[in-house]
Amino acid sequence: MKELNQEEWREKIAQDDKAVILDVRTEEEIEEGYIPGAKMIDIYKGQEFIDEIEKLDKDKNYYVYCRSGNRSGQACAIMDQKGFGNTYNLIGGFSNWEGETTE
């Protein structure tokens, strides 16, 4: 897992043809807005979260975010343990996001 600030996160995604944006927040949080193109898998769903990430392509690069950066850091750690080679946590999370969102 690498910790990236918003600028680094955006730059890497823009240059990465294997990028997948992963939102690990709750459905209620997602209703308040999300980053376009993000795949949603709620980390609070426990085993269901594990089951869903195990279906993902480990050859892709995952850019993970939550509200503050804490849950996404946990998600990256879990993904790393499951054999994902490239996970990137958004420092500060969605609450500090300055950019396009979908509501």
PDB file of N, CA and C in Angstrom:
ATOM      1  N   MET A   1       0.842  -1.181   0.000  1.00  0.00           N
ATOM      2  CA  MET A   1       0.000   0.000   0.000  1.00  0.00           C
ATOM      3  C   MET A   1       0.880   1.235   0.000  1.00  0.00           C
ATOM      4  N   LYS A   2       0.465   2.179  -0.820  1.00  0.00           N
ATOM      5  CA  LYS A   2       1.124   3.479  -0.820  1.00  0.00           C
ATOM      6  C   LYS A   2       0.089   4.510  -0.416  1.00  0.00           C
ATOM      7  N   GLU A   3       0.523   5.474   0.385  1.00  0.00           N
ATOM      8  CA  GLU A   3      -0.346   6.575   0.797  1.00  0.00           C
ATOM      9  C   GLU A   3      -0.096   7.734  -0.157  1.00  0.00           C
ATOM     10  N   LEU A   4      -1.156   8.244  -0.775  1.00  0.00           N
ATOM     11  CA  LEU A   4      -1.019   9.336  -1.735  1.00  0.00           C
ATOM     12  C   LEU A   4      -1.928  10.490  -1.355  1.00  0.00           C
ATOM     13  N   ASN A   5      -1.422  11.719  -1.538  1.00  0.00           N
ATOM     14  CA  ASN A   5      -2.302  12.868  -1.358  1.00  0.00           C
ATOM     15  C   ASN A   5      -3.149  13.022  -2.620  1.00  0.00           C
ATOM     16  N   GLN A   6      -4.088  13.952  -2.610  1.00  0.00           N
ATOM     17  CA  GLN A   6      -5.013  14.086  -3.741  1.00  0.00           C
ATOM     18  C   GLN A   6      -4.293  14.308  -5.062  1.00  0.00           C
ATOM     19  N   GLU A   7      -3.317  15.192  -5.060  1.00  0.00           N
ATOM     20  CA  GLU A   7      -2.612  15.510  -6.302  1.00  0.00           C
ATOM     21  C   GLU A   7      -1.901  14.282  -6.856  1.00  0.00           C
ATOM     22  N   GLU A   8      -1.176  13.565  -5.981  1.00  0.00           N
ATOM     23  CA  GLU A   8      -0.469  12.352  -6.409  1.00  0.00           C
ATOM     24  C   GLU A   8      -1.461  11.295  -6.903  1.00  0.00           C
ATOM     25  N   TRP A   9      -2.569  11.141  -6.177  1.00  0.00           N
ATOM     26  CA  TRP A   9      -3.597  10.146  -6.493  1.00  0.00           C
ATOM     27  C   TRP A   9      -4.164  10.405  -7.879  1.00  0.00           C
ATOM     28  N   ARG A  10      -4.540  11.659  -8.136  1.00  0.00           N
ATOM     29  CA  ARG A  10      -5.104  12.032  -9.447  1.00  0.00           C
ATOM     30  C   ARG A  10      -4.102  11.807 -10.573  1.00  0.00           C
ATOM     31  N   GLU A  11      -2.855  12.226 -10.346  1.00  0.00           N
ATOM     32  CA  GLU A  11      -1.821  12.091 -11.380  1.00  0.00           C
ATOM     33  C   GLU A  11      -1.582  10.625 -11.734  1.00  0.00           C
ATOM     34  N   LYS A  12      -1.480   9.772 -10.713  1.00  0.00           N
ATOM     35  CA  LYS A  12      -1.241   8.346 -10.967  1.00  0.00           C
ATOM     36  C   LYS A  12      -2.407   7.715 -11.728  1.00  0.00           C
ATOM     37  N   ILE A  13      -3.630   8.051 -11.330  1.00  0.00           N
ATOM     38  CA  ILE A  13      -4.796   7.497 -12.016  1.00  0.00           C
ATOM     39  C   ILE A  13      -4.801   7.933 -13.484  1.00  0.00           C
ATOM     40  N   ALA A  14      -4.512   9.191 -13.716  1.00  0.00           N
ATOM     41  CA  ALA A  14      -4.535   9.728 -15.085  1.00  0.00           C
ATOM     42  C   ALA A  14      -3.529   9.022 -15.991  1.00  0.00           C
ATOM     43  N   GLN A  15      -2.445   8.514 -15.417  1.00  0.00           N
ATOM     44  CA  GLN A  15      -1.388   7.874 -16.200  1.00  0.00           C
ATOM     45  C   GLN A  15      -1.470   6.348 -16.162  1.00  0.00           C
ATOM     46  N   ASP A  16      -2.489   5.803 -15.503  1.00  0.00           N
ATOM     47  CA  ASP A  16      -2.549   4.365 -15.230  1.00  0.00           C
ATOM     48  C   ASP A  16      -3.690   3.710 -16.009  1.00  0.00           C
ATOM     49  N   ASP A  17      -3.346   2.912 -17.015  1.00  0.00           N
ATOM     50  CA  ASP A  17      -4.396   2.255 -17.797  1.00  0.00           C
ATOM     51  C   ASP A  17      -4.940   1.000 -17.101  1.00  0.00           C
ATOM     52  N   LYS A  18      -4.389   0.667 -15.934  1.00  0.00           N
ATOM     53  CA  LYS A  18      -4.894  -0.467 -15.145  1.00  0.00           C
ATOM     54  C   LYS A  18      -5.564   0.009 -13.858  1.00  0.00           C
ATOM     55  N   ALA A  19      -5.926   1.303 -13.812  1.00  0.00           N
ATOM     56  CA  ALA A  19      -6.486   1.886 -12.589  1.00  0.00           C
ATOM     57  C   ALA A  19      -7.932   1.469 -12.349  1.00  0.00           C
ATOM     58  N   VAL A  20      -8.226   1.133 -11.086  1.00  0.00           N
ATOM     59  CA  VAL A  20      -9.592   0.888 -10.635  1.00  0.00           C
ATOM     60  C   VAL A  20      -9.772   1.723  -9.371  1.00  0.00           C
ATOM     61  N   ILE A  21     -10.792   2.601  -9.368  1.00  0.00           N
ATOM     62  CA  ILE A  21     -11.089   3.397  -8.171  1.00  0.00           C
ATOM     63  C   ILE A  21     -12.071   2.597  -7.331  1.00  0.00           C
ATOM     64  N   LEU A  22     -11.746   2.436  -6.055  1.00  0.00           N
ATOM     65  CA  LEU A  22     -12.561   1.622  -5.151  1.00  0.00           C
ATOM     66  C   LEU A  22     -13.019   2.478  -3.970  1.00  0.00           C
ATOM     67  N   ASP A  23     -14.330   2.578  -3.793  1.00  0.00           N
ATOM     68  CA  ASP A  23     -14.954   3.334  -2.707  1.00  0.00           C
ATOM     69  C   ASP A  23     -15.403   2.320  -1.659  1.00  0.00           C
ATOM     70  N   VAL A  24     -14.866   2.418  -0.433  1.00  0.00           N
ATOM     71  CA  VAL A  24     -15.189   1.431   0.606  1.00  0.00           C
ATOM     72  C   VAL A  24     -16.116   1.999   1.682  1.00  0.00           C
ATOM     73  N   ARG A  25     -16.835   3.083   1.346  1.00  0.00           N
ATOM     74  CA  ARG A  25     -17.752   3.703   2.302  1.00  0.00           C
ATOM     75  C   ARG A  25     -19.106   2.990   2.322  1.00  0.00           C
ATOM     76  N   THR A  26     -19.968   3.421   3.246  1.00  0.00           N
ATOM     77  CA  THR A  26     -21.317   2.857   3.363  1.00  0.00           C
ATOM     78  C   THR A  26     -22.225   3.429   2.277  1.00  0.00           C
ATOM     79  N   GLU A  27     -23.358   2.766   2.050  1.00  0.00           N
ATOM     80  CA  GLU A  27     -24.327   3.245   1.060  1.00  0.00           C
ATOM     81  C   GLU A  27     -24.805   4.654   1.403  1.00  0.00           C
ATOM     82  N   GLU A  28     -25.000   4.933   2.690  1.00  0.00           N
ATOM     83  CA  GLU A  28     -25.460   6.258   3.108  1.00  0.00           C
ATOM     84  C   GLU A  28     -24.431   7.331   2.747  1.00  0.00           C
ATOM     85  N   GLU A  29     -23.155   7.026   2.945  1.00  0.00           N
ATOM     86  CA  GLU A  29     -22.110   7.984   2.596  1.00  0.00           C
ATOM     87  C   GLU A  29     -22.038   8.188   1.080  1.00  0.00           C
ATOM     88  N   ILE A  30     -22.202   7.114   0.333  1.00  0.00           N
ATOM     89  CA  ILE A  30     -22.133   7.191  -1.128  1.00  0.00           C
ATOM     90  C   ILE A  30     -23.263   8.058  -1.674  1.00  0.00           C
ATOM     91  N   GLU A  31     -24.421   8.036  -1.012  1.00  0.00           N
ATOM     92  CA  GLU A  31     -25.551   8.869  -1.447  1.00  0.00           C
ATOM     93  C   GLU A  31     -25.206  10.358  -1.387  1.00  0.00           C
ATOM     94  N   GLU A  32     -24.233  10.731  -0.570  1.00  0.00           N
ATOM     95  CA  GLU A  32     -23.818  12.133  -0.451  1.00  0.00           C
ATOM     96  C   GLU A  32     -22.885  12.545  -1.585  1.00  0.00           C
ATOM     97  N   GLY A  33     -22.455  11.587  -2.390  1.00  0.00           N
ATOM     98  CA  GLY A  33     -21.577  11.876  -3.508  1.00  0.00           C
ATOM     99  C   GLY A  33     -20.434  10.873  -3.571  1.00  0.00           C
ATOM    100  N   TYR A  34     -19.872  10.729  -4.767  1.00  0.00           N
ATOM    101  CA  TYR A  34     -18.760   9.804  -4.954  1.00  0.00           C
ATOM    102  C   TYR A  34     -17.956  10.218  -6.174  1.00  0.00           C
ATOM    103  N   ILE A  35     -16.790   9.643  -6.324  1.00  0.00           N
ATOM    104  CA  ILE A  35     -15.920   9.927  -7.455  1.00  0.00           C
ATOM    105  C   ILE A  35     -16.423   9.117  -8.648  1.00  0.00           C
ATOM    106  N   PRO A  36     -16.678   9.785  -9.784  1.00  0.00           N
ATOM    107  CA  PRO A  36     -17.212   9.073 -10.957  1.00  0.00           C
ATOM    108  C   PRO A  36     -16.351   7.878 -11.353  1.00  0.00           C
ATOM    109  N   GLY A  37     -17.025   6.783 -11.686  1.00  0.00           N
ATOM    110  CA  GLY A  37     -16.336   5.580 -12.124  1.00  0.00           C
ATOM    111  C   GLY A  37     -15.889   4.661 -11.008  1.00  0.00           C
ATOM    112  N   ALA A  38     -16.141   5.057  -9.762  1.00  0.00           N
ATOM    113  CA  ALA A  38     -15.700   4.238  -8.628  1.00  0.00           C
ATOM    114  C   ALA A  38     -16.559   2.988  -8.487  1.00  0.00           C
ATOM    115  N   LYS A  39     -15.901   1.903  -8.078  1.00  0.00           N
ATOM    116  CA  LYS A  39     -16.586   0.646  -7.739  1.00  0.00           C
ATOM    117  C   LYS A  39     -16.821   0.694  -6.235  1.00  0.00           C
ATOM    118  N   MET A  40     -18.037   0.395  -5.799  1.00  0.00           N
ATOM    119  CA  MET A  40     -18.379   0.481  -4.384  1.00  0.00           C
ATOM    120  C   MET A  40     -18.395  -0.887  -3.715  1.00  0.00           C
ATOM    121  N   ILE A  41     -17.589  -1.032  -2.660  1.00  0.00           N
ATOM    122  CA  ILE A  41     -17.605  -2.244  -1.836  1.00  0.00           C
ATOM    123  C   ILE A  41     -17.431  -1.780  -0.386  1.00  0.00           C
ATOM    124  N   ASP A  42     -18.487  -1.855   0.408  1.00  0.00           N
ATOM    125  CA  ASP A  42     -18.506  -1.362   1.793  1.00  0.00           C
ATOM    126  C   ASP A  42     -17.641  -2.254   2.698  1.00  0.00           C
ATOM    127  N   ILE A  43     -16.596  -1.668   3.265  1.00  0.00           N
ATOM    128  CA  ILE A  43     -15.686  -2.429   4.141  1.00  0.00           C
ATOM    129  C   ILE A  43     -16.394  -2.902   5.408  1.00  0.00           C
ATOM    130  N   TYR A  44     -17.453  -2.211   5.833  1.00  0.00           N
ATOM    131  CA  TYR A  44     -18.167  -2.608   7.045  1.00  0.00           C
ATOM    132  C   TYR A  44     -18.980  -3.885   6.858  1.00  0.00           C
ATOM    133  N   LYS A  45     -19.047  -4.419   5.643  1.00  0.00           N
ATOM    134  CA  LYS A  45     -19.815  -5.642   5.405  1.00  0.00           C
ATOM    135  C   LYS A  45     -19.027  -6.904   5.749  1.00  0.00           C
ATOM    136  N   GLY A  46     -17.830  -6.750   6.297  1.00  0.00           N
ATOM    137  CA  GLY A  46     -17.076  -7.888   6.799  1.00  0.00           C
ATOM    138  C   GLY A  46     -16.744  -8.935   5.758  1.00  0.00           C
ATOM    139  N   GLN A  47     -17.260 -10.144   5.951  1.00  0.00           N
ATOM    140  CA  GLN A  47     -16.952 -11.254   5.044  1.00  0.00           C
ATOM    141  C   GLN A  47     -17.424 -10.961   3.626  1.00  0.00           C
ATOM    142  N   GLU A  48     -18.529 -10.262   3.492  1.00  0.00           N
ATOM    143  CA  GLU A  48     -19.021  -9.898   2.155  1.00  0.00           C
ATOM    144  C   GLU A  48     -17.988  -9.003   1.445  1.00  0.00           C
ATOM    145  N   PHE A  49     -17.346  -8.107   2.201  1.00  0.00           N
ATOM    146  CA  PHE A  49     -16.282  -7.266   1.631  1.00  0.00           C
ATOM    147  C   PHE A  49     -15.131  -8.145   1.137  1.00  0.00           C
ATOM    148  N   ILE A  50     -14.702  -9.097   1.975  1.00  0.00           N
ATOM    149  CA  ILE A  50     -13.621 -10.020   1.608  1.00  0.00           C
ATOM    150  C   ILE A  50     -14.002 -10.801   0.346  1.00  0.00           C
ATOM    151  N   ASP A  51     -15.228 -11.330   0.322  1.00  0.00           N
ATOM    152  CA  ASP A  51     -15.691 -12.098  -0.839  1.00  0.00           C
ATOM    153  C   ASP A  51     -15.647 -11.256  -2.110  1.00  0.00           C
ATOM    154  N   GLU A  52     -16.065  -9.994  -2.006  1.00  0.00           N
ATOM    155  CA  GLU A  52     -16.093  -9.116  -3.184  1.00  0.00           C
ATOM    156  C   GLU A  52     -14.691  -8.760  -3.665  1.00  0.00           C
ATOM    157  N   ILE A  53     -13.770  -8.471  -2.747  1.00  0.00           N
ATOM    158  CA  ILE A  53     -12.417  -8.112  -3.220  1.00  0.00           C
ATOM    159  C   ILE A  53     -11.707  -9.324  -3.812  1.00  0.00           C
ATOM    160  N   GLU A  54     -12.050 -10.519  -3.333  1.00  0.00           N
ATOM    161  CA  GLU A  54     -11.422 -11.717  -3.893  1.00  0.00           C
ATOM    162  C   GLU A  54     -11.842 -11.962  -5.345  1.00  0.00           C
ATOM    163  N   LYS A  55     -12.925 -11.331  -5.778  1.00  0.00           N
ATOM    164  CA  LYS A  55     -13.377 -11.454  -7.170  1.00  0.00           C
ATOM    165  C   LYS A  55     -12.639 -10.481  -8.095  1.00  0.00           C
ATOM    166  N   LEU A  56     -11.923  -9.520  -7.517  1.00  0.00           N
ATOM    167  CA  LEU A  56     -11.259  -8.486  -8.319  1.00  0.00           C
ATOM    168  C   LEU A  56      -9.993  -9.008  -8.985  1.00  0.00           C
ATOM    169  N   ASP A  57      -9.614  -8.393 -10.078  1.00  0.00           N
ATOM    170  CA  ASP A  57      -8.419  -8.745 -10.850  1.00  0.00           C
ATOM    171  C   ASP A  57      -7.175  -8.225 -10.128  1.00  0.00           C
ATOM    172  N   LYS A  58      -6.328  -9.122  -9.664  1.00  0.00           N
ATOM    173  CA  LYS A  58      -5.136  -8.734  -8.904  1.00  0.00           C
ATOM    174  C   LYS A  58      -4.069  -8.068  -9.765  1.00  0.00           C
ATOM    175  N   ASP A  59      -4.238  -8.112 -11.086  1.00  0.00           N
ATOM    176  CA  ASP A  59      -3.288  -7.451 -11.983  1.00  0.00           C
ATOM    177  C   ASP A  59      -3.587  -5.966 -12.161  1.00  0.00           C
ATOM    178  N   LYS A  60      -4.724  -5.511 -11.645  1.00  0.00           N
ATOM    179  CA  LYS A  60      -5.085  -4.090 -11.741  1.00  0.00           C
ATOM    180  C   LYS A  60      -4.456  -3.319 -10.576  1.00  0.00           C
ATOM    181  N   ASN A  61      -4.499  -1.996 -10.688  1.00  0.00           N
ATOM    182  CA  ASN A  61      -3.995  -1.111  -9.632  1.00  0.00           C
ATOM    183  C   ASN A  61      -5.202  -0.454  -8.974  1.00  0.00           C
ATOM    184  N   TYR A  62      -5.299  -0.567  -7.656  1.00  0.00           N
ATOM    185  CA  TYR A  62      -6.488  -0.118  -6.931  1.00  0.00           C
ATOM    186  C   TYR A  62      -6.225   1.160  -6.155  1.00  0.00           C
ATOM    187  N   TYR A  63      -7.039   2.160  -6.467  1.00  0.00           N
ATOM    188  CA  TYR A  63      -6.994   3.466  -5.816  1.00  0.00           C
ATOM    189  C   TYR A  63      -8.203   3.519  -4.897  1.00  0.00           C
ATOM    190  N   VAL A  64      -7.943   3.433  -3.591  1.00  0.00           N
ATOM    191  CA  VAL A  64      -8.998   3.185  -2.617  1.00  0.00           C
ATOM    192  C   VAL A  64      -9.245   4.434  -1.777  1.00  0.00           C
ATOM    193  N   TYR A  65     -10.542   4.729  -1.555  1.00  0.00           N
ATOM    194  CA  TYR A  65     -10.869   5.861  -0.695  1.00  0.00           C
ATOM    195  C   TYR A  65     -12.080   5.574   0.171  1.00  0.00           C
ATOM    196  N   CYS A  66     -12.156   6.329   1.272  1.00  0.00           N
ATOM    197  CA  CYS A  66     -13.305   6.309   2.170  1.00  0.00           C
ATOM    198  C   CYS A  66     -13.568   7.764   2.554  1.00  0.00           C
ATOM    199  N   ARG A  67     -14.191   7.994   3.671  1.00  0.00           N
ATOM    200  CA  ARG A  67     -14.490   9.373   4.073  1.00  0.00           C
ATOM    201  C   ARG A  67     -13.230  10.100   4.530  1.00  0.00           C
ATOM    202  N   SER A  68     -12.402   9.437   5.352  1.00  0.00           N
ATOM    203  CA  SER A  68     -11.257  10.129   5.961  1.00  0.00           C
ATOM    204  C   SER A  68      -9.891   9.546   5.606  1.00  0.00           C
ATOM    205  N   GLY A  69      -9.865   8.345   5.062  1.00  0.00           N
ATOM    206  CA  GLY A  69      -8.603   7.685   4.755  1.00  0.00           C
ATOM    207  C   GLY A  69      -8.285   6.523   5.675  1.00  0.00           C
ATOM    208  N   ASN A  70      -9.046   6.363   6.768  1.00  0.00           N
ATOM    209  CA  ASN A  70      -8.783   5.272   7.712  1.00  0.00           C
ATOM    210  C   ASN A  70      -9.265   3.915   7.196  1.00  0.00           C
ATOM    211  N   ARG A  71     -10.539   3.832   6.827  1.00  0.00           N
ATOM    212  CA  ARG A  71     -11.073   2.558   6.327  1.00  0.00           C
ATOM    213  C   ARG A  71     -10.391   2.149   5.028  1.00  0.00           C
ATOM    214  N   SER A  72     -10.095   3.136   4.179  1.00  0.00           N
ATOM    215  CA  SER A  72      -9.428   2.789   2.918  1.00  0.00           C
ATOM    216  C   SER A  72      -8.029   2.256   3.184  1.00  0.00           C
ATOM    217  N   GLY A  73      -7.364   2.760   4.211  1.00  0.00           N
ATOM    218  CA  GLY A  73      -6.066   2.207   4.597  1.00  0.00           C
ATOM    219  C   GLY A  73      -6.204   0.769   5.055  1.00  0.00           C
ATOM    220  N   GLN A  74      -7.266   0.488   5.822  1.00  0.00           N
ATOM    221  CA  GLN A  74      -7.533  -0.886   6.258  1.00  0.00           C
ATOM    222  C   GLN A  74      -7.832  -1.772   5.058  1.00  0.00           C
ATOM    223  N   ALA A  75      -8.626  -1.248   4.119  1.00  0.00           N
ATOM    224  CA  ALA A  75      -8.966  -2.021   2.924  1.00  0.00           C
ATOM    225  C   ALA A  75      -7.709  -2.348   2.125  1.00  0.00           C
ATOM    226  N   CYS A  76      -6.825  -1.372   1.976  1.00  0.00           N
ATOM    227  CA  CYS A  76      -5.573  -1.612   1.253  1.00  0.00           C
ATOM    228  C   CYS A  76      -4.748  -2.693   1.941  1.00  0.00           C
ATOM    229  N   ALA A  77      -4.680  -2.640   3.273  1.00  0.00           N
ATOM    230  CA  ALA A  77      -3.921  -3.638   4.023  1.00  0.00           C
ATOM    231  C   ALA A  77      -4.506  -5.041   3.801  1.00  0.00           C
ATOM    232  N   ILE A  78      -5.829  -5.148   3.829  1.00  0.00           N
ATOM    233  CA  ILE A  78      -6.484  -6.442   3.588  1.00  0.00           C
ATOM    234  C   ILE A  78      -6.177  -6.917   2.168  1.00  0.00           C
ATOM    235  N   MET A  79      -6.289  -6.006   1.216  1.00  0.00           N
ATOM    236  CA  MET A  79      -6.029  -6.363  -0.180  1.00  0.00           C
ATOM    237  C   MET A  79      -4.577  -6.801  -0.368  1.00  0.00           C
ATOM    238  N   ASP A  80      -3.657  -6.104   0.290  1.00  0.00           N
ATOM    239  CA  ASP A  80      -2.243  -6.488   0.208  1.00  0.00           C
ATOM    240  C   ASP A  80      -2.051  -7.912   0.734  1.00  0.00           C
ATOM    241  N   GLN A  81      -2.714  -8.238   1.849  1.00  0.00           N
ATOM    242  CA  GLN A  81      -2.616  -9.585   2.430  1.00  0.00           C
ATOM    243  C   GLN A  81      -3.200 -10.636   1.483  1.00  0.00           C
ATOM    244  N   LYS A  82      -4.174 -10.228   0.665  1.00  0.00           N
ATOM    245  CA  LYS A  82      -4.821 -11.147  -0.268  1.00  0.00           C
ATOM    246  C   LYS A  82      -4.069 -11.253  -1.593  1.00  0.00           C
ATOM    247  N   GLY A  83      -2.925 -10.594  -1.698  1.00  0.00           N
ATOM    248  CA  GLY A  83      -2.092 -10.758  -2.882  1.00  0.00           C
ATOM    249  C   GLY A  83      -2.203  -9.674  -3.938  1.00  0.00           C
ATOM    250  N   PHE A  84      -2.866  -8.568  -3.618  1.00  0.00           N
ATOM    251  CA  PHE A  84      -2.932  -7.460  -4.557  1.00  0.00           C
ATOM    252  C   PHE A  84      -1.598  -6.725  -4.515  1.00  0.00           C
ATOM    253  N   GLY A  85      -1.008  -6.496  -5.687  1.00  0.00           N
ATOM    254  CA  GLY A  85       0.326  -5.900  -5.748  1.00  0.00           C
ATOM    255  C   GLY A  85       0.368  -4.399  -5.620  1.00  0.00           C
ATOM    256  N   ASN A  86      -0.676  -3.713  -6.080  1.00  0.00           N
ATOM    257  CA  ASN A  86      -0.650  -2.255  -6.089  1.00  0.00           C
ATOM    258  C   ASN A  86      -1.946  -1.674  -5.553  1.00  0.00           C
ATOM    259  N   THR A  87      -1.879  -1.200  -4.298  1.00  0.00           N
ATOM    260  CA  THR A  87      -3.011  -0.518  -3.694  1.00  0.00           C
ATOM    261  C   THR A  87      -2.547   0.861  -3.248  1.00  0.00           C
ATOM    262  N   TYR A  88      -3.410   1.839  -3.459  1.00  0.00           N
ATOM    263  CA  TYR A  88      -3.083   3.232  -3.146  1.00  0.00           C
ATOM    264  C   TYR A  88      -4.203   3.830  -2.311  1.00  0.00           C
ATOM    265  N   ASN A  89      -3.849   4.323  -1.134  1.00  0.00           N
ATOM    266  CA  ASN A  89      -4.811   4.913  -0.224  1.00  0.00           C
ATOM    267  C   ASN A  89      -4.827   6.428  -0.405  1.00  0.00           C
ATOM    268  N   LEU A  90      -6.035   7.009  -0.505  1.00  0.00           N
ATOM    269  CA  LEU A  90      -6.185   8.458  -0.619  1.00  0.00           C
ATOM    270  C   LEU A  90      -6.123   9.077   0.773  1.00  0.00           C
ATOM    271  N   ILE A  91      -5.028   9.782   1.063  1.00  0.00           N
ATOM    272  CA  ILE A  91      -4.857  10.462   2.353  1.00  0.00           C
ATOM    273  C   ILE A  91      -5.941  11.532   2.487  1.00  0.00           C
ATOM    274  N   GLY A  92      -6.621  11.539   3.615  1.00  0.00           N
ATOM    275  CA  GLY A  92      -7.665  12.533   3.863  1.00  0.00           C
ATOM    276  C   GLY A  92      -9.028  12.141   3.328  1.00  0.00           C
ATOM    277  N   GLY A  93      -9.068  11.153   2.449  1.00  0.00           N
ATOM    278  CA  GLY A  93     -10.324  10.605   1.958  1.00  0.00           C
ATOM    279  C   GLY A  93     -11.219  11.571   1.204  1.00  0.00           C
ATOM    280  N   PHE A  94     -12.467  11.156   1.047  1.00  0.00           N
ATOM    281  CA  PHE A  94     -13.447  11.891   0.254  1.00  0.00           C
ATOM    282  C   PHE A  94     -13.849  13.208   0.914  1.00  0.00           C
ATOM    283  N   SER A  95     -13.750  13.291   2.235  1.00  0.00           N
ATOM    284  CA  SER A  95     -14.169  14.516   2.922  1.00  0.00           C
ATOM    285  C   SER A  95     -13.325  15.717   2.493  1.00  0.00           C
ATOM    286  N   ASN A  96     -12.109  15.473   1.995  1.00  0.00           N
ATOM    287  CA  ASN A  96     -11.250  16.560   1.531  1.00  0.00           C
ATOM    288  C   ASN A  96     -11.187  16.636   0.016  1.00  0.00           C
ATOM    289  N   TRP A  97     -11.993  15.846  -0.681  1.00  0.00           N
ATOM    290  CA  TRP A  97     -11.908  15.741  -2.138  1.00  0.00           C
ATOM    291  C   TRP A  97     -12.280  17.059  -2.794  1.00  0.00           C
ATOM    292  N   GLU A  98     -11.420  17.497  -3.682  1.00  0.00           N
ATOM    293  CA  GLU A  98     -11.683  18.704  -4.464  1.00  0.00           C
ATOM    294  C   GLU A  98     -11.664  18.306  -5.921  1.00  0.00           C
ATOM    295  N   GLY A  99     -12.795  18.060  -6.467  1.00  0.00           N
ATOM    296  CA  GLY A  99     -12.846  17.625  -7.856  1.00  0.00           C
ATOM    297  C   GLY A  99     -14.229  17.164  -8.216  1.00  0.00           C
ATOM    298  N   GLU A 100     -14.307  16.527  -9.350  1.00  0.00           N
ATOM    299  CA  GLU A 100     -15.605  16.075  -9.865  1.00  0.00           C
ATOM    300  C   GLU A 100     -16.177  14.984  -8.966  1.00  0.00           C
ATOM    301  N   THR A 101     -17.457  15.130  -8.681  1.00  0.00           N
ATOM    302  CA  THR A 101     -18.162  14.092  -7.932  1.00  0.00           C
ATOM    303  C   THR A 101     -19.527  13.872  -8.573  1.00  0.00           C
ATOM    304  N   THR A 102     -20.139  12.777  -8.227  1.00  0.00           N
ATOM    305  CA  THR A 102     -21.487  12.465  -8.692  1.00  0.00           C
ATOM    306  C   THR A 102     -22.381  12.386  -7.465  1.00  0.00           C
ATOM    307  N   GLU A 103     -23.504  13.064  -7.529  1.00  0.00           N
ATOM    308  CA  GLU A 103     -24.423  13.030  -6.386  1.00  0.00           C
ATOM    309  C   GLU A 103     -25.772  12.499  -6.793  1.00  0.00           C
TER     310      GLU A 103
END
